[in-house]
């Protein structure tokens, strides 16, 4: 069992708030939040939601959100595949994978991208950049 999850089963969000208040009252200015409190806050964010936890613990929403997302990615990456079996192909595919992506927003901004091989890994980053630029230019 994950240590932080066990921690939360014994303590409520209000108990965790009391721990943060105690730490804040005794810390020196500029001192970073200890790792144990961040772990507990991250677990609370997963259990109670990032917004509620950030508000309850007086934490920056985005800092907590990033930590919760990282924890989710780490836990899913560390889980074994179902049945503990992973198939590995014996030979490489004859042609690299291909993808054509066409994005268009309601304002007429368009983007067409043709990706092959390893470039597919950058697809999500490219799409997010397009949408953020399209929204900022309105």
N, C-alpha and C. Protein backbone atom coordinates (compact mmCIF):
# COMPACT_ATOMS: atom_id res chain seq x y z
N UNK A 1 0.85 -1.18 0.00
CA UNK A 1 0.00 0.00 0.00
C UNK A 1 0.89 1.23 0.00
N UNK A 2 0.48 2.25 -0.71
CA UNK A 2 1.22 3.51 -0.79
C UNK A 2 1.18 4.18 0.57
N UNK A 3 2.33 4.65 1.04
CA UNK A 3 2.43 5.20 2.39
C UNK A 3 1.49 6.38 2.59
N UNK A 4 1.40 7.28 1.60
CA UNK A 4 0.55 8.44 1.75
C UNK A 4 -0.92 8.08 1.86
N UNK A 5 -1.37 7.06 1.12
CA UNK A 5 -2.75 6.63 1.21
C UNK A 5 -3.05 6.12 2.60
N UNK A 6 -2.12 5.38 3.18
CA UNK A 6 -2.28 4.88 4.54
C UNK A 6 -2.36 6.05 5.50
N UNK A 7 -1.55 7.07 5.27
CA UNK A 7 -1.54 8.27 6.11
C UNK A 7 -2.92 8.92 6.11
N UNK A 8 -3.55 9.04 4.95
CA UNK A 8 -4.84 9.69 4.86
C UNK A 8 -5.95 8.86 5.48
N UNK A 9 -5.79 7.56 5.49
CA UNK A 9 -6.85 6.76 6.09
C UNK A 9 -6.92 7.00 7.59
N UNK A 10 -5.83 7.46 8.19
CA UNK A 10 -5.82 7.74 9.63
C UNK A 10 -6.12 9.20 9.94
N UNK A 11 -5.96 10.09 8.96
CA UNK A 11 -6.12 11.52 9.19
C UNK A 11 -7.10 12.11 8.19
N UNK A 12 -7.93 12.99 8.66
CA UNK A 12 -8.86 13.69 7.77
C UNK A 12 -8.18 14.91 7.20
N UNK A 13 -8.86 15.56 6.27
CA UNK A 13 -8.33 16.78 5.67
C UNK A 13 -8.16 17.87 6.73
N UNK A 14 -9.04 17.91 7.71
CA UNK A 14 -8.90 18.93 8.77
C UNK A 14 -7.68 18.64 9.64
N UNK A 15 -7.36 17.35 9.86
CA UNK A 15 -6.14 17.00 10.60
C UNK A 15 -4.91 17.46 9.82
N UNK A 16 -4.95 17.28 8.52
CA UNK A 16 -3.83 17.69 7.68
C UNK A 16 -3.69 19.21 7.69
N UNK A 17 -4.82 19.91 7.67
CA UNK A 17 -4.78 21.37 7.76
C UNK A 17 -4.10 21.80 9.06
N UNK A 18 -4.41 21.11 10.16
CA UNK A 18 -3.79 21.42 11.45
C UNK A 18 -2.27 21.19 11.39
N UNK A 19 -1.84 20.16 10.68
CA UNK A 19 -0.40 19.90 10.54
C UNK A 19 0.27 21.03 9.75
N UNK A 20 -0.38 21.48 8.67
CA UNK A 20 0.16 22.59 7.89
C UNK A 20 0.21 23.87 8.72
N UNK A 21 -0.84 24.14 9.49
CA UNK A 21 -0.86 25.34 10.33
C UNK A 21 0.23 25.29 11.38
N UNK A 22 0.45 24.13 11.96
CA UNK A 22 1.51 23.96 12.96
C UNK A 22 2.88 24.21 12.32
N UNK A 23 3.09 23.64 11.15
CA UNK A 23 4.38 23.85 10.46
C UNK A 23 4.56 25.32 10.11
N UNK A 24 3.51 25.97 9.59
CA UNK A 24 3.61 27.37 9.19
C UNK A 24 3.90 28.28 10.39
N UNK A 25 3.34 27.94 11.55
CA UNK A 25 3.54 28.80 12.72
C UNK A 25 4.96 28.68 13.30
N UNK A 26 5.65 27.59 12.99
CA UNK A 26 6.98 27.40 13.57
C UNK A 26 8.12 27.51 12.57
N UNK A 27 7.82 27.75 11.31
CA UNK A 27 8.87 27.77 10.28
C UNK A 27 9.55 29.13 10.20
N UNK A 28 10.72 29.11 9.60
CA UNK A 28 11.42 30.36 9.30
C UNK A 28 10.93 30.87 7.95
N UNK A 29 10.87 32.17 7.75
CA UNK A 29 10.44 32.71 6.46
C UNK A 29 11.31 32.15 5.32
N UNK A 30 10.66 31.80 4.22
CA UNK A 30 11.37 31.27 3.06
C UNK A 30 11.61 29.77 3.09
N UNK A 31 11.21 29.11 4.19
CA UNK A 31 11.39 27.67 4.31
C UNK A 31 10.37 26.96 3.42
N UNK A 32 10.85 25.96 2.67
CA UNK A 32 9.96 25.20 1.80
C UNK A 32 9.13 24.20 2.60
N UNK A 33 7.98 23.86 2.03
CA UNK A 33 7.11 22.87 2.66
C UNK A 33 7.84 21.53 2.67
N UNK A 34 7.88 20.85 3.80
CA UNK A 34 8.58 19.56 3.88
C UNK A 34 7.95 18.51 2.95
N UNK A 35 8.77 17.59 2.50
CA UNK A 35 8.32 16.54 1.57
C UNK A 35 7.17 15.73 2.17
N UNK A 36 7.21 15.45 3.47
CA UNK A 36 6.15 14.63 4.08
C UNK A 36 4.80 15.35 4.00
N UNK A 37 4.80 16.68 4.16
CA UNK A 37 3.54 17.42 4.05
C UNK A 37 3.06 17.47 2.59
N UNK A 38 4.00 17.63 1.65
CA UNK A 38 3.62 17.62 0.23
C UNK A 38 3.03 16.27 -0.16
N UNK A 39 3.65 15.17 0.34
CA UNK A 39 3.12 13.83 0.03
C UNK A 39 1.70 13.70 0.56
N UNK A 40 1.48 14.13 1.79
CA UNK A 40 0.15 14.05 2.39
C UNK A 40 -0.84 14.93 1.62
N UNK A 41 -0.42 16.13 1.23
CA UNK A 41 -1.29 17.03 0.47
C UNK A 41 -1.61 16.44 -0.91
N UNK A 42 -0.63 15.80 -1.52
CA UNK A 42 -0.84 15.16 -2.83
C UNK A 42 -1.85 14.03 -2.70
N UNK A 43 -1.70 13.21 -1.67
CA UNK A 43 -2.66 12.13 -1.45
C UNK A 43 -4.06 12.70 -1.17
N UNK A 44 -4.12 13.77 -0.40
CA UNK A 44 -5.41 14.40 -0.12
C UNK A 44 -6.02 14.95 -1.40
N UNK A 45 -5.19 15.54 -2.26
CA UNK A 45 -5.68 16.05 -3.53
C UNK A 45 -6.28 14.95 -4.40
N UNK A 46 -5.65 13.79 -4.36
CA UNK A 46 -6.18 12.65 -5.12
C UNK A 46 -7.50 12.17 -4.51
N UNK A 47 -7.60 12.21 -3.20
CA UNK A 47 -8.79 11.68 -2.51
C UNK A 47 -9.94 12.69 -2.49
N UNK A 48 -9.65 13.95 -2.16
CA UNK A 48 -10.70 14.94 -1.96
C UNK A 48 -10.86 15.91 -3.13
N UNK A 49 -9.91 15.88 -4.08
CA UNK A 49 -9.93 16.83 -5.19
C UNK A 49 -8.91 17.93 -4.96
N UNK A 50 -8.30 18.39 -6.04
CA UNK A 50 -7.23 19.39 -5.94
C UNK A 50 -7.77 20.72 -5.43
N UNK A 51 -8.88 21.18 -5.95
CA UNK A 51 -9.41 22.48 -5.58
C UNK A 51 -9.74 22.55 -4.08
N UNK A 52 -10.49 21.56 -3.61
CA UNK A 52 -10.88 21.54 -2.19
C UNK A 52 -9.65 21.44 -1.29
N UNK A 53 -8.71 20.59 -1.67
CA UNK A 53 -7.51 20.40 -0.85
C UNK A 53 -6.65 21.66 -0.82
N UNK A 54 -6.45 22.28 -1.98
CA UNK A 54 -5.64 23.50 -2.05
C UNK A 54 -6.27 24.60 -1.20
N UNK A 55 -7.57 24.73 -1.28
CA UNK A 55 -8.27 25.74 -0.49
C UNK A 55 -8.16 25.45 1.00
N UNK A 56 -8.41 24.21 1.37
CA UNK A 56 -8.39 23.80 2.78
C UNK A 56 -7.00 23.94 3.40
N UNK A 57 -5.94 23.66 2.61
CA UNK A 57 -4.58 23.69 3.15
C UNK A 57 -3.83 24.98 2.82
N UNK A 58 -4.51 25.92 2.18
CA UNK A 58 -3.91 27.20 1.77
C UNK A 58 -2.67 26.97 0.91
N UNK A 59 -2.84 26.13 -0.10
CA UNK A 59 -1.75 25.83 -1.03
C UNK A 59 -2.07 26.41 -2.40
N UNK A 60 -1.04 26.65 -3.19
CA UNK A 60 -1.22 27.09 -4.57
C UNK A 60 -1.88 25.96 -5.35
N UNK A 61 -3.01 26.26 -5.98
CA UNK A 61 -3.77 25.25 -6.72
C UNK A 61 -2.91 24.55 -7.77
N UNK A 62 -2.18 25.33 -8.58
CA UNK A 62 -1.42 24.75 -9.68
C UNK A 62 -0.22 23.92 -9.19
N UNK A 63 0.39 24.35 -8.10
CA UNK A 63 1.50 23.57 -7.55
C UNK A 63 1.00 22.21 -7.08
N UNK A 64 -0.15 22.21 -6.41
CA UNK A 64 -0.73 20.94 -5.95
C UNK A 64 -1.20 20.11 -7.13
N UNK A 65 -1.83 20.74 -8.10
CA UNK A 65 -2.32 20.02 -9.28
C UNK A 65 -1.18 19.31 -9.99
N UNK A 66 -0.05 20.00 -10.17
CA UNK A 66 1.12 19.39 -10.83
C UNK A 66 1.63 18.20 -10.05
N UNK A 67 1.67 18.32 -8.74
CA UNK A 67 2.14 17.20 -7.91
C UNK A 67 1.18 16.01 -7.97
N UNK A 68 -0.11 16.28 -7.96
CA UNK A 68 -1.10 15.20 -8.04
C UNK A 68 -0.99 14.50 -9.39
N UNK A 69 -0.88 15.28 -10.48
CA UNK A 69 -0.76 14.68 -11.81
C UNK A 69 0.52 13.84 -11.92
N UNK A 70 1.62 14.33 -11.37
CA UNK A 70 2.88 13.58 -11.40
C UNK A 70 2.75 12.28 -10.61
N UNK A 71 2.08 12.34 -9.47
CA UNK A 71 1.90 11.15 -8.65
C UNK A 71 1.04 10.12 -9.38
N UNK A 72 0.02 10.58 -10.09
CA UNK A 72 -0.84 9.67 -10.85
C UNK A 72 -0.04 9.02 -11.96
N UNK A 73 0.79 9.81 -12.68
CA UNK A 73 1.61 9.26 -13.75
C UNK A 73 2.61 8.24 -13.22
N UNK A 74 3.25 8.56 -12.09
CA UNK A 74 4.22 7.64 -11.49
C UNK A 74 3.56 6.34 -11.05
N UNK A 75 2.38 6.44 -10.44
CA UNK A 75 1.73 5.22 -9.96
C UNK A 75 1.24 4.36 -11.11
N UNK A 76 0.77 4.99 -12.20
CA UNK A 76 0.31 4.18 -13.33
C UNK A 76 1.49 3.60 -14.09
N UNK A 77 2.63 4.30 -14.11
CA UNK A 77 3.81 3.77 -14.79
C UNK A 77 4.45 2.63 -14.01
N UNK A 78 4.28 2.63 -12.70
CA UNK A 78 4.91 1.60 -11.88
C UNK A 78 4.04 0.35 -11.74
N UNK A 79 2.79 0.42 -12.16
CA UNK A 79 1.91 -0.74 -12.06
C UNK A 79 2.29 -1.77 -13.12
N UNK A 80 2.34 -3.04 -12.75
CA UNK A 80 2.63 -4.05 -13.75
C UNK A 80 1.44 -4.20 -14.70
N UNK A 81 1.72 -4.68 -15.89
CA UNK A 81 0.64 -4.90 -16.84
C UNK A 81 -0.23 -6.03 -16.32
N UNK A 82 -1.47 -6.06 -16.75
CA UNK A 82 -2.41 -7.08 -16.30
C UNK A 82 -1.84 -8.46 -16.59
N UNK A 83 -1.81 -9.29 -15.59
CA UNK A 83 -1.28 -10.64 -15.75
C UNK A 83 0.23 -10.70 -15.71
N UNK A 84 0.89 -9.56 -15.58
CA UNK A 84 2.34 -9.53 -15.50
C UNK A 84 3.04 -9.90 -16.79
N UNK A 85 2.36 -9.81 -17.93
CA UNK A 85 2.94 -10.21 -19.20
C UNK A 85 3.01 -9.00 -20.12
N UNK A 86 4.12 -8.82 -20.76
CA UNK A 86 4.31 -7.74 -21.72
C UNK A 86 4.80 -8.34 -23.02
N UNK A 87 4.06 -8.15 -24.09
CA UNK A 87 4.44 -8.70 -25.39
C UNK A 87 5.43 -7.75 -26.06
N UNK A 88 6.52 -8.30 -26.53
CA UNK A 88 7.54 -7.54 -27.25
C UNK A 88 7.65 -8.13 -28.64
N UNK A 89 7.39 -7.34 -29.68
CA UNK A 89 7.48 -7.88 -31.04
C UNK A 89 8.92 -8.29 -31.37
N UNK A 90 9.06 -9.38 -32.12
CA UNK A 90 10.39 -9.88 -32.46
C UNK A 90 11.06 -9.08 -33.56
N UNK A 91 10.29 -8.47 -34.43
CA UNK A 91 10.91 -7.69 -35.50
C UNK A 91 10.27 -6.31 -35.56
N UNK A 92 11.02 -5.36 -36.05
CA UNK A 92 10.53 -3.99 -36.16
C UNK A 92 9.50 -3.91 -37.28
N UNK A 93 8.53 -3.01 -37.18
CA UNK A 93 7.57 -2.85 -38.27
C UNK A 93 8.28 -2.42 -39.54
N UNK A 94 7.71 -2.78 -40.69
CA UNK A 94 8.36 -2.48 -41.96
C UNK A 94 8.34 -0.99 -42.30
N UNK A 95 7.34 -0.28 -41.86
CA UNK A 95 7.26 1.16 -42.13
C UNK A 95 7.03 1.89 -40.82
N UNK A 96 7.61 3.08 -40.67
CA UNK A 96 7.38 3.83 -39.42
C UNK A 96 5.93 4.26 -39.32
N UNK A 97 5.41 4.38 -38.10
CA UNK A 97 4.01 4.82 -37.94
C UNK A 97 3.83 6.23 -38.49
N UNK A 98 2.66 6.49 -39.03
CA UNK A 98 2.36 7.80 -39.60
C UNK A 98 1.09 8.36 -38.99
N UNK A 99 0.98 9.68 -38.99
CA UNK A 99 -0.22 10.32 -38.47
C UNK A 99 -0.38 11.66 -39.18
N UNK A 100 -1.61 11.97 -39.59
CA UNK A 100 -1.93 13.28 -40.14
C UNK A 100 -2.93 13.90 -39.19
N UNK A 101 -2.61 15.09 -38.72
CA UNK A 101 -3.44 15.78 -37.76
C UNK A 101 -3.86 17.10 -38.35
N UNK A 102 -5.17 17.35 -38.35
CA UNK A 102 -5.67 18.63 -38.83
C UNK A 102 -6.48 19.25 -37.69
N UNK A 103 -6.07 20.43 -37.27
CA UNK A 103 -6.76 21.15 -36.19
C UNK A 103 -7.34 22.44 -36.75
N UNK A 104 -8.54 22.78 -36.30
CA UNK A 104 -9.16 24.03 -36.70
C UNK A 104 -10.04 24.50 -35.55
N UNK A 105 -9.88 25.78 -35.17
CA UNK A 105 -10.76 26.29 -34.13
C UNK A 105 -11.91 27.04 -34.77
N UNK A 106 -12.85 27.50 -33.99
CA UNK A 106 -14.04 28.17 -34.50
C UNK A 106 -13.75 29.52 -35.12
N UNK A 107 -12.57 30.07 -34.90
CA UNK A 107 -12.21 31.38 -35.43
C UNK A 107 -11.49 31.29 -36.78
N UNK A 108 -11.29 30.07 -37.28
CA UNK A 108 -10.66 29.90 -38.58
C UNK A 108 -9.18 29.58 -38.55
N UNK A 109 -8.58 29.51 -37.37
CA UNK A 109 -7.16 29.15 -37.29
C UNK A 109 -7.03 27.67 -37.63
N UNK A 110 -6.07 27.35 -38.49
CA UNK A 110 -5.89 25.97 -38.95
C UNK A 110 -4.45 25.53 -38.80
N UNK A 111 -4.29 24.22 -38.57
CA UNK A 111 -2.96 23.62 -38.49
C UNK A 111 -3.06 22.21 -39.04
N UNK A 112 -2.18 21.88 -40.00
CA UNK A 112 -2.11 20.52 -40.55
C UNK A 112 -0.69 20.03 -40.32
N UNK A 113 -0.58 18.86 -39.71
CA UNK A 113 0.72 18.30 -39.38
C UNK A 113 0.76 16.86 -39.85
N UNK A 114 1.84 16.49 -40.51
CA UNK A 114 2.06 15.10 -40.90
C UNK A 114 3.27 14.62 -40.11
N UNK A 115 3.06 13.59 -39.30
CA UNK A 115 4.11 13.08 -38.44
C UNK A 115 4.45 11.64 -38.82
N UNK A 116 5.73 11.32 -38.72
CA UNK A 116 6.17 9.96 -38.98
C UNK A 116 7.16 9.54 -37.92
N UNK A 117 7.10 8.29 -37.53
CA UNK A 117 8.08 7.71 -36.61
C UNK A 117 8.05 8.34 -35.24
N UNK A 118 9.22 8.66 -34.72
CA UNK A 118 9.38 9.15 -33.35
C UNK A 118 8.69 10.50 -33.12
N UNK A 119 8.42 11.24 -34.17
CA UNK A 119 7.77 12.55 -34.02
C UNK A 119 6.38 12.43 -33.43
N UNK A 120 5.78 11.25 -33.48
CA UNK A 120 4.45 11.06 -32.91
C UNK A 120 4.42 11.38 -31.43
N UNK A 121 5.52 11.22 -30.75
CA UNK A 121 5.58 11.48 -29.31
C UNK A 121 5.33 12.96 -29.01
N UNK A 122 5.56 13.83 -29.95
CA UNK A 122 5.39 15.27 -29.75
C UNK A 122 3.99 15.75 -30.09
N UNK A 123 3.12 14.87 -30.49
CA UNK A 123 1.79 15.24 -30.94
C UNK A 123 1.00 16.01 -29.89
N UNK A 124 0.96 15.53 -28.68
CA UNK A 124 0.18 16.18 -27.63
C UNK A 124 0.72 17.59 -27.35
N UNK A 125 2.02 17.72 -27.26
CA UNK A 125 2.63 19.03 -27.00
C UNK A 125 2.28 20.01 -28.12
N UNK A 126 2.36 19.56 -29.35
CA UNK A 126 2.04 20.40 -30.49
C UNK A 126 0.59 20.84 -30.46
N UNK A 127 -0.32 19.91 -30.19
CA UNK A 127 -1.75 20.24 -30.15
C UNK A 127 -2.04 21.24 -29.02
N UNK A 128 -1.48 21.03 -27.85
CA UNK A 128 -1.70 21.95 -26.73
C UNK A 128 -1.18 23.36 -27.07
N UNK A 129 -0.03 23.43 -27.72
CA UNK A 129 0.53 24.73 -28.11
C UNK A 129 -0.39 25.44 -29.08
N UNK A 130 -0.90 24.71 -30.06
CA UNK A 130 -1.81 25.30 -31.04
C UNK A 130 -3.03 25.88 -30.37
N UNK A 131 -3.67 25.10 -29.49
CA UNK A 131 -4.88 25.59 -28.85
C UNK A 131 -4.62 26.77 -27.92
N UNK A 132 -3.50 26.77 -27.23
CA UNK A 132 -3.22 27.89 -26.32
C UNK A 132 -2.91 29.15 -27.11
N UNK A 133 -2.22 29.05 -28.23
CA UNK A 133 -1.92 30.22 -29.07
C UNK A 133 -3.20 30.72 -29.70
N UNK A 134 -4.04 29.81 -30.19
CA UNK A 134 -5.30 30.21 -30.84
C UNK A 134 -6.19 30.95 -29.85
N UNK A 135 -6.22 30.51 -28.59
CA UNK A 135 -7.08 31.15 -27.58
C UNK A 135 -6.53 32.49 -27.13
N UNK A 136 -5.18 32.58 -27.04
CA UNK A 136 -4.56 33.82 -26.59
C UNK A 136 -4.70 34.95 -27.61
N UNK A 137 -4.81 34.59 -28.89
CA UNK A 137 -4.84 35.62 -29.93
C UNK A 137 -6.23 36.20 -30.14
N UNK A 138 -7.22 35.71 -29.40
CA UNK A 138 -8.60 36.22 -29.56
C UNK A 138 -8.79 37.55 -28.89
